[in-house]
């Protein structure tokens, strides 16, 4: 059975690669995933370009685990030497846009879902969700359908991790800050220079150390990344604006970090969003212990995924290598997909079978 699942998964991934699925434009890949599941007698649900399904013997009295990955891609960068939509295989390597991020993970999770789909007396229900807009943290992806999925206890989020377990993920706050002064002529002692006023707050962002330190990530990190001020050389600027990139650890919520910042600086601080939350799962959780028993390692992920939209314990794990994501001539090894399917199945066995 597993060999057939592996073969079908690779065929599906080739099909997905051949269909452009940029964020917000995933209708063709959503159709393909829906048709793939329906051809195997799986009842599907769909909302916009998100497709989900439940195991055949769903029991409302049991808890539900989520298997989630995304089928949207970034646009191919200018370094491509291959057709990004041609799913070519050479020496055991499958090339194509989205092959690694996160097509290999998605088809492997679909195979895992199908492996357990008809099994009876499982300890957990399984919800499979193939979602859209992950690459742009869009509002019409996983976040859009979460209310439809029902109560969920924990999640496996498919992203390329070499099948190791990312047991925590940093959250992200992007802050637009502004300091107001008063314009004047630079040749005379006029005005109130907004740049000079901003320096104190910029230095605070550089030097401040949050008291709580994450066991997984270490200290929270803030970086001033953009500064804009002034209109011409002889005018004292009345406005200085700057952007701060804040990588929030699991030691804080986004709201707690924002409150601390606003208490300590004088500038106006406006977060673009507080949606991308830090996430984590206890090392003693059964799914983590199952992974450790299989020889997998745990780590904290610096990159953001749909895991940031979940409020339940979650672990990010999948075939492929994050270092290949968004690269030119993106690829994944066929053996990574085959091994990923087997490892996903083995990872869930002691949890989902109640052993």
Protein backbone atom coordinates (compact mmCIF):
# COMPACT_ATOMS: atom_id res chain seq x y z
CA UNK A 1 0.00 0.00 0.00
CA UNK A 2 2.75 2.44 0.92
CA UNK A 3 4.54 1.87 -2.37
CA UNK A 4 1.36 2.79 -4.25
CA UNK A 5 0.87 5.86 -2.09
CA UNK A 6 4.43 6.94 -2.84
CA UNK A 7 3.93 6.48 -6.58
CA UNK A 8 0.61 8.36 -6.55
CA UNK A 9 2.07 11.17 -4.45
CA UNK A 10 4.93 11.78 -6.86
CA UNK A 11 2.48 11.80 -9.78
CA UNK A 12 0.30 14.33 -7.95
CA UNK A 13 3.29 16.53 -7.17
CA UNK A 14 4.29 16.55 -10.84
CA UNK A 15 0.77 17.66 -11.71
CA UNK A 16 0.82 20.42 -9.09
CA UNK A 17 4.19 21.71 -10.35
CA UNK A 18 2.78 21.97 -13.87
CA UNK A 19 -0.07 24.21 -12.69
CA UNK A 20 0.88 27.81 -11.78
CA UNK A 21 -0.37 28.45 -8.25
CA UNK A 22 0.92 31.83 -7.13
CA UNK A 23 -0.69 33.10 -3.93
CA UNK A 24 -4.33 34.09 -4.57
CA UNK A 25 -4.17 32.24 -7.92
CA UNK A 26 -4.35 28.62 -6.69
CA UNK A 27 -7.65 27.57 -8.26
CA UNK A 28 -6.10 24.98 -10.60
CA UNK A 29 -4.08 23.25 -7.90
CA UNK A 30 -7.10 23.31 -5.57
CA UNK A 31 -9.09 21.60 -8.33
CA UNK A 32 -6.35 19.00 -8.80
CA UNK A 33 -6.13 18.18 -5.09
CA UNK A 34 -9.91 17.96 -4.78
CA UNK A 35 -10.14 15.66 -7.81
CA UNK A 36 -7.26 13.49 -6.53
CA UNK A 37 -9.06 12.91 -3.23
CA UNK A 38 -12.50 12.42 -4.78
CA UNK A 39 -11.08 9.83 -7.18
CA UNK A 40 -10.18 7.85 -4.06
CA UNK A 41 -13.73 8.16 -2.68
CA UNK A 42 -12.86 10.84 -0.15
CA UNK A 43 -15.56 13.40 0.57
CA UNK A 44 -14.02 16.85 0.25
CA UNK A 45 -14.94 20.33 1.47
CA UNK A 46 -13.87 23.53 -0.21
CA UNK A 47 -13.89 27.23 0.49
CA UNK A 48 -12.17 29.48 -2.05
CA UNK A 49 -8.89 27.69 -2.87
CA UNK A 50 -8.77 25.67 0.36
CA UNK A 51 -9.62 21.97 0.34
CA UNK A 52 -10.13 19.79 3.41
CA UNK A 53 -11.38 16.34 4.35
CA UNK A 54 -11.87 14.04 7.33
CA UNK A 55 -11.17 10.35 7.91
CA UNK A 56 -13.99 7.98 6.95
CA UNK A 57 -14.86 6.91 10.50
CA UNK A 58 -14.93 10.39 12.01
CA UNK A 59 -16.22 10.28 15.58
CA UNK A 60 -17.29 13.57 17.13
CA UNK A 61 -16.54 12.16 20.59
CA UNK A 62 -12.84 11.88 19.76
CA UNK A 63 -10.23 14.65 19.50
CA UNK A 64 -9.07 15.72 16.05
CA UNK A 65 -5.56 16.30 14.77
CA UNK A 66 -4.82 18.53 11.79
CA UNK A 67 -2.53 17.69 8.87
CA UNK A 68 -1.88 20.93 7.03
CA UNK A 69 0.30 22.22 4.24
CA UNK A 70 -0.05 24.77 1.46
CA UNK A 71 -0.23 24.58 -2.32
CA UNK A 72 0.53 28.18 -3.26
CA UNK A 73 3.99 29.22 -4.40
CA UNK A 74 6.07 32.34 -4.72
CA UNK A 75 6.79 33.61 -8.23
CA UNK A 76 9.95 32.16 -9.80
CA UNK A 77 12.99 34.36 -9.35
CA UNK A 78 15.09 35.60 -12.25
CA UNK A 79 17.82 33.02 -11.63
CA UNK A 80 15.82 30.11 -13.05
CA UNK A 81 17.55 28.19 -15.84
CA UNK A 82 14.73 25.64 -16.13
CA UNK A 83 11.06 25.96 -16.88
CA UNK A 84 9.65 26.34 -13.34
CA UNK A 85 6.46 24.55 -14.38
CA UNK A 86 8.16 21.55 -15.97
CA UNK A 87 8.27 18.66 -13.45
CA UNK A 88 11.48 17.13 -14.81
CA UNK A 89 13.17 14.22 -13.04
CA UNK A 90 16.92 13.75 -13.37
CA UNK A 91 18.96 11.26 -11.35
CA UNK A 92 16.28 10.93 -8.70
CA UNK A 93 15.69 14.68 -8.35
CA UNK A 94 12.33 16.29 -9.16
CA UNK A 95 12.67 19.90 -10.30
CA UNK A 96 9.96 22.55 -10.39
CA UNK A 97 8.48 25.53 -8.61
CA UNK A 98 6.90 24.47 -5.32
CA UNK A 99 8.47 21.00 -5.40
CA UNK A 100 10.27 21.61 -2.10
CA UNK A 101 8.13 24.41 -0.64
CA UNK A 102 5.82 22.84 0.08
CA UNK A 103 4.63 20.40 -2.57
CA UNK A 104 6.65 17.46 -1.27
CA UNK A 105 5.26 18.00 2.22
CA UNK A 106 1.70 18.41 0.98
CA UNK A 107 1.57 15.24 -1.13
CA UNK A 108 3.28 13.30 1.66
CA UNK A 109 0.64 14.45 4.15
CA UNK A 110 -2.10 13.55 1.67
CA UNK A 111 -0.60 10.06 1.37
CA UNK A 112 -0.47 9.77 5.16
CA UNK A 113 -4.12 10.83 5.40
CA UNK A 114 -5.08 8.19 2.81
CA UNK A 115 -3.09 5.53 4.68
CA UNK A 116 -5.22 6.09 7.79
CA UNK A 117 -8.41 7.18 5.99
CA UNK A 118 -10.39 3.91 6.28
CA UNK A 119 -8.90 2.63 9.52
CA UNK A 120 -11.32 2.11 12.39
CA UNK A 121 -10.88 2.60 16.14
CA UNK A 122 -8.27 5.34 15.86
CA UNK A 123 -7.63 7.43 18.96
CA UNK A 124 -7.89 10.62 16.91
CA UNK A 125 -9.91 11.87 14.01
CA UNK A 126 -7.79 13.25 11.17
CA UNK A 127 -8.49 16.50 9.34
CA UNK A 128 -6.45 17.10 6.20
CA UNK A 129 -6.31 20.71 4.99
CA UNK A 130 -4.55 21.81 1.79
CA UNK A 131 -4.59 25.58 2.04
CA UNK A 132 -3.82 28.72 0.05
CA UNK A 133 -2.00 32.05 0.48
CA UNK A 134 0.65 30.80 2.91
CA UNK A 135 3.47 32.53 1.06
CA UNK A 136 1.89 35.95 1.60
CA UNK A 137 0.37 35.23 5.02
CA UNK A 138 -2.96 35.93 3.34
CA UNK A 139 -6.34 36.09 5.03
CA UNK A 140 -7.99 33.65 2.61
CA UNK A 141 -5.86 30.63 3.46
CA UNK A 142 -5.72 28.51 6.61
CA UNK A 143 -6.99 31.35 8.77
CA UNK A 144 -10.07 31.65 6.53
CA UNK A 145 -11.14 28.03 6.96
CA UNK A 146 -10.05 27.33 10.54
CA UNK A 147 -13.54 28.11 11.89
CA UNK A 148 -14.93 25.47 9.50
CA UNK A 149 -12.60 22.68 10.61
CA UNK A 150 -14.07 22.13 14.05
CA UNK A 151 -12.24 21.74 17.34
CA UNK A 152 -8.63 20.67 16.84
CA UNK A 153 -6.26 19.32 19.48
CA UNK A 154 -2.87 19.57 17.76
CA UNK A 155 -1.40 19.92 14.28
CA UNK A 156 1.34 18.72 11.96
CA UNK A 157 2.26 21.55 9.62
CA UNK A 158 4.05 20.40 6.49
CA UNK A 159 7.11 22.48 5.67
CA UNK A 160 10.55 21.28 4.51
CA UNK A 161 12.54 20.44 7.66
CA UNK A 162 14.49 17.35 6.53
CA UNK A 163 11.84 15.52 8.60
CA UNK A 164 13.21 16.95 11.83
CA UNK A 165 10.76 18.56 14.24
CA UNK A 166 10.46 22.31 14.56
CA UNK A 167 8.88 22.41 18.00
CA UNK A 168 8.72 26.20 18.09
CA UNK A 169 8.46 28.97 15.53
CA UNK A 170 9.14 32.65 15.91
CA UNK A 171 6.28 35.09 15.52
CA UNK A 172 6.62 38.30 13.54
CA UNK A 173 5.71 41.89 14.23
CA UNK A 174 6.45 44.54 11.63
CA UNK A 175 6.19 47.97 13.23
CA UNK A 176 5.82 51.28 11.39
CA UNK A 177 7.15 53.99 13.70
CA UNK A 178 6.97 57.76 13.24
CA UNK A 179 8.46 60.73 15.06
CA UNK A 180 7.18 64.27 14.51
CA UNK A 181 9.27 67.41 14.71
CA UNK A 182 8.95 70.84 13.12
CA UNK A 183 10.29 71.96 9.76
CA UNK A 184 12.75 74.84 9.50
CA UNK A 185 15.63 76.23 7.43
CA UNK A 186 18.85 74.28 7.99
CA UNK A 187 20.94 77.48 7.77
CA UNK A 188 19.22 79.00 10.76
CA UNK A 189 18.43 77.58 14.17
CA UNK A 190 14.86 76.79 13.19
CA UNK A 191 12.62 73.80 13.57
CA UNK A 192 12.82 70.64 15.62
CA UNK A 193 14.73 67.92 13.80
CA UNK A 194 12.66 64.71 13.69
CA UNK A 195 15.74 62.63 12.88
CA UNK A 196 17.49 63.65 16.08
CA UNK A 197 14.32 62.95 18.07
CA UNK A 198 14.06 59.50 16.49
CA UNK A 199 17.63 58.52 17.39
CA UNK A 200 16.76 57.85 21.02
CA UNK A 201 14.04 55.38 20.10
CA UNK A 202 16.13 53.74 17.38
CA UNK A 203 18.91 53.21 19.92
CA UNK A 204 16.38 51.72 22.33
CA UNK A 205 15.29 49.16 19.73
CA UNK A 206 18.96 48.31 19.19
CA UNK A 207 19.90 47.98 22.84
CA UNK A 208 16.83 46.79 24.74
CA UNK A 209 16.90 43.25 26.13
CA UNK A 210 13.64 41.53 27.07
CA UNK A 211 13.75 39.86 30.46
CA UNK A 212 12.32 36.48 29.44
CA UNK A 213 14.55 34.33 27.25
CA UNK A 214 13.19 31.45 25.20
CA UNK A 215 14.62 28.03 25.95
CA UNK A 216 14.49 27.22 22.24
CA UNK A 217 15.39 30.53 20.56
CA UNK A 218 17.22 32.55 23.16
CA UNK A 219 16.49 36.29 23.31
CA UNK A 220 13.83 38.08 21.32
CA UNK A 221 15.30 40.00 18.39
CA UNK A 222 14.42 43.50 17.12
CA UNK A 223 15.99 45.16 14.07
CA UNK A 224 15.42 48.62 12.63
CA UNK A 225 15.45 47.91 8.90
CA UNK A 226 14.17 51.05 7.10
CA UNK A 227 14.50 54.78 7.87
CA UNK A 228 12.90 57.60 5.89
CA UNK A 229 13.20 61.33 6.59
CA UNK A 230 13.76 64.67 4.90
CA UNK A 231 12.89 66.22 1.56
CA UNK A 232 16.03 68.24 0.69
CA UNK A 233 19.38 69.17 2.17
CA UNK A 234 18.47 72.58 3.53
CA UNK A 235 15.19 71.73 5.26
CA UNK A 236 15.06 70.45 8.82
CA UNK A 237 12.79 67.40 8.60
CA UNK A 238 9.46 67.49 10.39
CA UNK A 239 8.92 63.73 10.13
CA UNK A 240 11.14 60.69 10.55
CA UNK A 241 9.62 57.27 9.98
CA UNK A 242 11.27 53.92 10.46
CA UNK A 243 10.37 50.24 10.31
CA UNK A 244 11.22 47.63 12.93
CA UNK A 245 11.31 43.88 12.32
CA UNK A 246 10.52 42.05 15.58
CA UNK A 247 11.02 38.28 15.75
CA UNK A 248 8.91 37.22 18.72
CA UNK A 249 9.85 34.07 20.63
CA UNK A 250 7.59 31.65 22.45
CA UNK A 251 8.45 33.43 25.72
CA UNK A 252 6.00 36.24 24.83
CA UNK A 253 2.79 36.91 22.97
CA UNK A 254 2.78 39.53 20.24
CA UNK A 255 0.50 41.68 22.37
CA UNK A 256 2.86 41.54 25.36
CA UNK A 257 5.81 42.61 23.20
CA UNK A 258 3.84 45.46 21.68
CA UNK A 259 2.82 46.73 25.12
CA UNK A 260 6.44 46.71 26.36
CA UNK A 261 7.61 48.60 23.28
CA UNK A 262 4.95 51.27 23.52
CA UNK A 263 5.77 51.78 27.21
CA UNK A 264 9.43 52.47 26.45
CA UNK A 265 9.47 54.62 23.31
CA UNK A 266 8.11 58.07 22.48
CA UNK A 267 7.43 57.49 18.79
CA UNK A 268 4.08 56.47 17.36
CA UNK A 269 4.08 52.69 16.89
CA UNK A 270 1.67 50.94 14.52
CA UNK A 271 1.89 47.18 13.98
CA UNK A 272 1.01 46.05 10.48
CA UNK A 273 -0.50 42.94 12.02
CA UNK A 274 -0.44 40.89 15.21
CA UNK A 275 -1.68 37.74 13.40
CA UNK A 276 1.68 35.99 13.01
CA UNK A 277 2.07 34.58 16.49
CA UNK A 278 4.94 32.60 18.00
CA UNK A 279 4.07 28.94 18.41
CA UNK A 280 5.40 25.93 20.27
CA UNK A 281 4.65 22.42 21.46
CA UNK A 282 5.77 20.80 24.69
CA UNK A 283 8.75 18.48 24.31
CA UNK A 284 6.81 15.88 26.30
CA UNK A 285 3.91 15.88 23.83
CA UNK A 286 3.30 12.42 22.40
CA UNK A 287 3.99 13.48 18.82
CA UNK A 288 7.37 14.97 19.77
CA UNK A 289 8.29 11.89 21.77
CA UNK A 290 7.32 9.74 18.79
CA UNK A 291 9.65 11.77 16.57
CA UNK A 292 12.52 11.47 19.03
CA UNK A 293 11.99 7.71 19.17
CA UNK A 294 12.39 7.66 15.38
CA UNK A 295 15.75 9.40 15.67
CA UNK A 296 14.56 12.84 14.59
CA UNK A 297 15.93 15.99 16.20
CA UNK A 298 14.08 19.04 17.50
CA UNK A 299 14.83 22.70 16.88
CA UNK A 300 13.30 26.16 16.80
CA UNK A 301 12.41 27.52 13.37
CA UNK A 302 13.36 31.13 12.55
CA UNK A 303 11.03 31.24 9.54
CA UNK A 304 7.31 31.93 9.59
CA UNK A 305 4.63 29.58 8.26
CA UNK A 306 0.91 28.94 8.68
CA UNK A 307 1.85 27.55 12.10
CA UNK A 308 1.72 31.21 13.19
CA UNK A 309 -2.04 31.24 12.62
CA UNK A 310 -2.75 28.30 14.95
CA UNK A 311 -3.63 28.61 18.61
CA UNK A 312 -3.22 24.87 19.28
CA UNK A 313 0.03 22.97 19.89
CA UNK A 314 1.72 22.29 16.57
CA UNK A 315 4.92 20.89 15.15
CA UNK A 316 6.40 21.81 11.78
CA UNK A 317 7.87 18.83 9.96
CA UNK A 318 8.27 17.64 6.40
CA UNK A 319 10.48 16.27 3.62
CA UNK A 320 12.79 18.63 1.75
CA UNK A 321 15.16 21.29 2.96
CA UNK A 322 14.17 24.82 3.94
CA UNK A 323 17.41 26.07 2.38
CA UNK A 324 15.99 25.19 -1.06
CA UNK A 325 12.78 27.18 -0.60
CA UNK A 326 12.39 30.05 -3.07
CA UNK A 327 15.70 29.23 -4.75
CA UNK A 328 16.18 29.14 -8.53
CA UNK A 329 15.65 25.68 -10.06
CA UNK A 330 13.93 24.47 -6.91
CA UNK A 331 13.99 20.72 -6.38
CA UNK A 332 13.30 17.82 -4.06
CA UNK A 333 14.69 14.28 -4.05
CA UNK A 334 12.18 11.57 -4.86
CA UNK A 335 13.60 9.53 -1.99
CA UNK A 336 12.82 12.42 0.37
CA UNK A 337 9.15 12.14 -0.55
CA UNK A 338 9.12 8.36 -0.18
CA UNK A 339 10.90 8.52 3.17
CA UNK A 340 8.73 11.44 4.24
CA UNK A 341 5.54 9.45 3.71
CA UNK A 342 6.89 6.53 5.71
CA UNK A 343 8.13 8.80 8.49
CA UNK A 344 4.83 10.69 8.71
CA UNK A 345 2.98 7.37 9.01
CA UNK A 346 5.41 6.08 11.64
CA UNK A 347 5.34 9.40 13.50
CA UNK A 348 1.57 9.19 13.94
CA UNK A 349 1.30 5.46 14.72
CA UNK A 350 1.94 5.49 18.48
CA UNK A 351 -0.32 8.53 18.87
CA UNK A 352 -3.19 7.76 16.56
CA UNK A 353 -3.39 4.06 17.44
CA UNK A 354 -3.47 4.81 21.16
CA UNK A 355 -0.33 2.86 21.95
